[in-house]
Amino acid sequence: FSYSIVSSLPASHRDAFSVDPRTGEIWLREILDYEEIRICELQIEAKDEGFHTLSGHCKVVVEV
């Protein structure tokens, strides 16, 4: 499997999150200001790169 963030976050927070492509672990890379953004929704995609490429998606909601 490989994991990635596929949603488009606002430009001001685009680099705030990262996902480990091998494990799917999500990391916060910068401090989020509660007064600027209170909820972030990330769309995560998991892909199986086998014979038939299969994928699945989930929504992760982060409340600041």
Protein backbone atom coordinates (compact mmCIF):
# COMPACT_ATOMS: atom_id res chain seq x y z
CA PHE A 1 0.00 0.00 0.00
CA SER A 2 0.91 3.64 -0.41
CA TYR A 3 -0.83 6.54 1.33
CA SER A 4 -1.25 10.17 0.32
CA ILE A 5 -3.28 13.28 1.10
CA VAL A 6 -5.54 13.98 -1.87
CA SER A 7 -7.72 16.84 -0.62
CA SER A 8 -6.84 20.41 -1.30
CA LEU A 9 -6.47 22.31 1.93
CA PRO A 10 -6.55 26.10 1.98
CA ALA A 11 -3.24 27.50 0.68
CA SER A 12 -2.38 28.84 4.13
CA HIS A 13 -2.47 25.30 5.60
CA ARG A 14 -1.43 23.17 2.63
CA ASP A 15 1.92 22.20 4.21
CA ALA A 16 0.57 21.81 7.75
CA PHE A 17 0.06 18.05 7.40
CA SER A 18 2.01 15.19 5.91
CA VAL A 19 1.36 11.47 5.65
CA ASP A 20 3.93 8.70 5.68
CA PRO A 21 3.44 7.03 2.29
CA ARG A 22 4.39 3.61 3.69
CA THR A 23 2.54 3.53 7.04
CA GLY A 24 -0.26 6.06 6.58
CA GLU A 25 0.71 7.87 9.78
CA ILE A 26 -0.40 11.52 9.66
CA TRP A 27 1.89 14.23 11.06
CA LEU A 28 1.24 17.84 11.96
CA ARG A 29 4.19 19.81 10.57
CA GLU A 30 3.35 23.28 11.86
CA ILE A 31 1.34 24.94 14.61
CA LEU A 32 -2.29 25.63 13.75
CA ASP A 33 -3.94 28.75 15.16
CA TYR A 34 -7.40 28.09 16.58
CA GLU A 35 -8.49 31.61 15.62
CA GLU A 36 -7.52 31.02 11.95
CA ILE A 37 -8.81 27.50 11.46
CA ARG A 38 -10.84 25.35 13.82
CA ILE A 39 -11.44 22.24 11.73
CA CYS A 40 -9.34 20.68 8.95
CA GLU A 41 -10.70 17.89 6.78
CA LEU A 42 -8.13 15.71 5.04
CA GLN A 43 -8.96 13.17 2.35
CA ILE A 44 -6.50 10.29 2.56
CA GLU A 45 -6.03 7.79 -0.27
CA ALA A 46 -4.60 4.30 0.13
CA LYS A 47 -3.46 2.55 -3.06
CA ASP A 48 -2.56 -1.07 -3.61
CA GLU A 49 -0.03 -1.13 -6.43
CA GLY A 50 -0.52 -4.82 -7.21
CA PHE A 51 -1.67 -6.44 -10.45
CA HIS A 52 -4.92 -4.45 -10.35
CA THR A 53 -4.49 -0.97 -8.89
CA LEU A 54 -7.07 -0.65 -6.13
CA SER A 55 -7.62 2.38 -3.95
CA GLY A 56 -9.71 3.51 -1.03
CA HIS A 57 -10.38 6.89 0.55
CA CYS A 58 -11.22 8.15 4.02
CA LYS A 59 -11.90 11.52 5.58
CA VAL A 60 -9.87 12.57 8.62
CA VAL A 61 -11.27 15.48 10.62
CA VAL A 62 -8.83 17.40 12.79
CA GLU A 63 -10.37 19.71 15.39
CA VAL A 64 -7.98 22.40 16.67
